[in-house]
Amino acid sequence: MSVELVIDSRSTLGESPSWDSENNVLYWVDIIEKKICLYNPLTNTYKQVIIDQFVGCIAPRNGGGVVLLFKMVFIIMIGIQNF
């Protein structure tokens, strides 16, 4: 078995990897750097959004968008694929 680095996000504390089977993308957060990350393996596209607070986790929602956890507050984002 071989291992290949697909994307070097240089995350300081990468957490909460979540696969979105509806959109074929992988989400994760970098807690320390306050980033929301998205990788699409079909297009080999990596995107990140830097926000102004720590985000603890991310998960895709049925029907689109994601759920985010900020210091015990849940936020629902619609259309995150377009950020």
Protein backbone atom coordinates (compact mmCIF):
# COMPACT_ATOMS: atom_id res chain seq x y z
CA MET A 1 0.00 0.00 0.00
CA SER A 2 1.24 3.48 -0.80
CA VAL A 3 0.21 6.84 0.60
CA GLU A 4 0.08 10.03 -1.43
CA LEU A 5 -0.29 13.61 -0.22
CA VAL A 6 -3.17 15.06 -2.22
CA ILE A 7 -3.38 18.54 -0.69
CA ASP A 8 -0.96 20.24 1.67
CA SER A 9 -3.29 22.55 3.58
CA ARG A 10 -0.59 23.31 6.17
CA SER A 11 -3.23 23.06 8.88
CA THR A 12 -1.97 23.79 12.37
CA LEU A 13 -4.83 21.85 14.01
CA GLY A 14 -6.89 20.21 11.26
CA GLU A 15 -10.05 18.60 12.65
CA SER A 16 -13.47 17.28 11.75
CA PRO A 17 -12.92 15.81 8.28
CA SER A 18 -16.38 15.27 6.78
CA TRP A 19 -17.18 13.81 3.37
CA ASP A 20 -20.13 15.35 1.51
CA SER A 21 -21.35 12.55 -0.76
CA GLU A 22 -23.96 14.81 -2.36
CA ASN A 23 -21.32 17.26 -3.67
CA ASN A 24 -18.27 14.96 -3.64
CA VAL A 25 -16.19 17.28 -1.46
CA LEU A 26 -14.21 16.90 1.75
CA TYR A 27 -14.65 19.53 4.47
CA TRP A 28 -12.44 20.13 7.50
CA VAL A 29 -11.51 22.98 9.81
CA ASP A 30 -8.22 24.35 11.08
CA ILE A 31 -9.15 25.39 14.59
CA ILE A 32 -6.02 27.38 15.45
CA GLU A 33 -5.82 29.24 12.13
CA LYS A 34 -9.62 29.88 12.09
CA LYS A 35 -10.10 28.32 8.64
CA ILE A 36 -12.88 26.39 6.93
CA CYS A 37 -11.38 24.12 4.25
CA LEU A 38 -12.91 22.32 1.28
CA TYR A 39 -11.32 19.93 -1.21
CA ASN A 40 -12.93 18.59 -4.37
CA PRO A 41 -11.02 15.53 -5.65
CA LEU A 42 -12.89 15.50 -8.98
CA THR A 43 -11.59 18.95 -9.93
CA ASN A 44 -8.51 18.87 -7.66
CA THR A 45 -9.69 22.19 -6.20
CA TYR A 46 -8.79 23.36 -2.68
CA LYS A 47 -10.52 26.36 -1.09
CA GLN A 48 -10.31 27.91 2.35
CA VAL A 49 -12.11 30.67 4.18
CA ILE A 50 -10.45 32.49 7.06
CA ILE A 51 -12.98 33.60 9.66
CA ASP A 52 -12.72 35.80 12.73
CA GLN A 53 -13.29 33.14 15.40
CA PHE A 54 -12.37 29.58 16.27
CA VAL A 55 -14.48 26.95 14.52
CA GLY A 56 -14.53 23.54 16.19
CA CYS A 57 -16.20 21.30 13.61
CA ILE A 58 -18.02 21.13 10.30
CA ALA A 59 -20.51 18.64 8.84
CA PRO A 60 -22.52 18.57 5.61
CA ARG A 61 -26.30 19.03 5.83
CA ASN A 62 -28.86 16.94 4.01
CA GLY A 63 -30.14 19.11 1.20
CA GLY A 64 -27.04 21.32 1.03
CA GLY A 65 -24.87 23.57 3.09
CA VAL A 66 -22.99 22.70 6.25
CA VAL A 67 -23.38 22.89 10.02
CA LEU A 68 -20.55 24.63 11.92
CA LEU A 69 -19.80 24.75 15.65
CA PHE A 70 -18.41 28.00 17.08
CA LYS A 71 -17.81 27.96 20.85
CA MET A 72 -21.00 26.00 21.51
CA VAL A 73 -23.10 27.87 18.91
CA PHE A 74 -24.32 26.02 15.83
CA ILE A 75 -24.40 27.91 12.52
CA ILE A 76 -25.93 26.62 9.30
CA MET A 77 -24.31 27.82 6.06
CA ILE A 78 -26.08 27.33 2.75
CA GLY A 79 -24.08 27.20 -0.47
CA ILE A 80 -20.60 26.79 1.05
CA GLN A 81 -19.36 25.20 -2.18
CA ASN A 82 -19.45 28.66 -3.77
CA PHE A 83 -17.25 30.51 -1.25
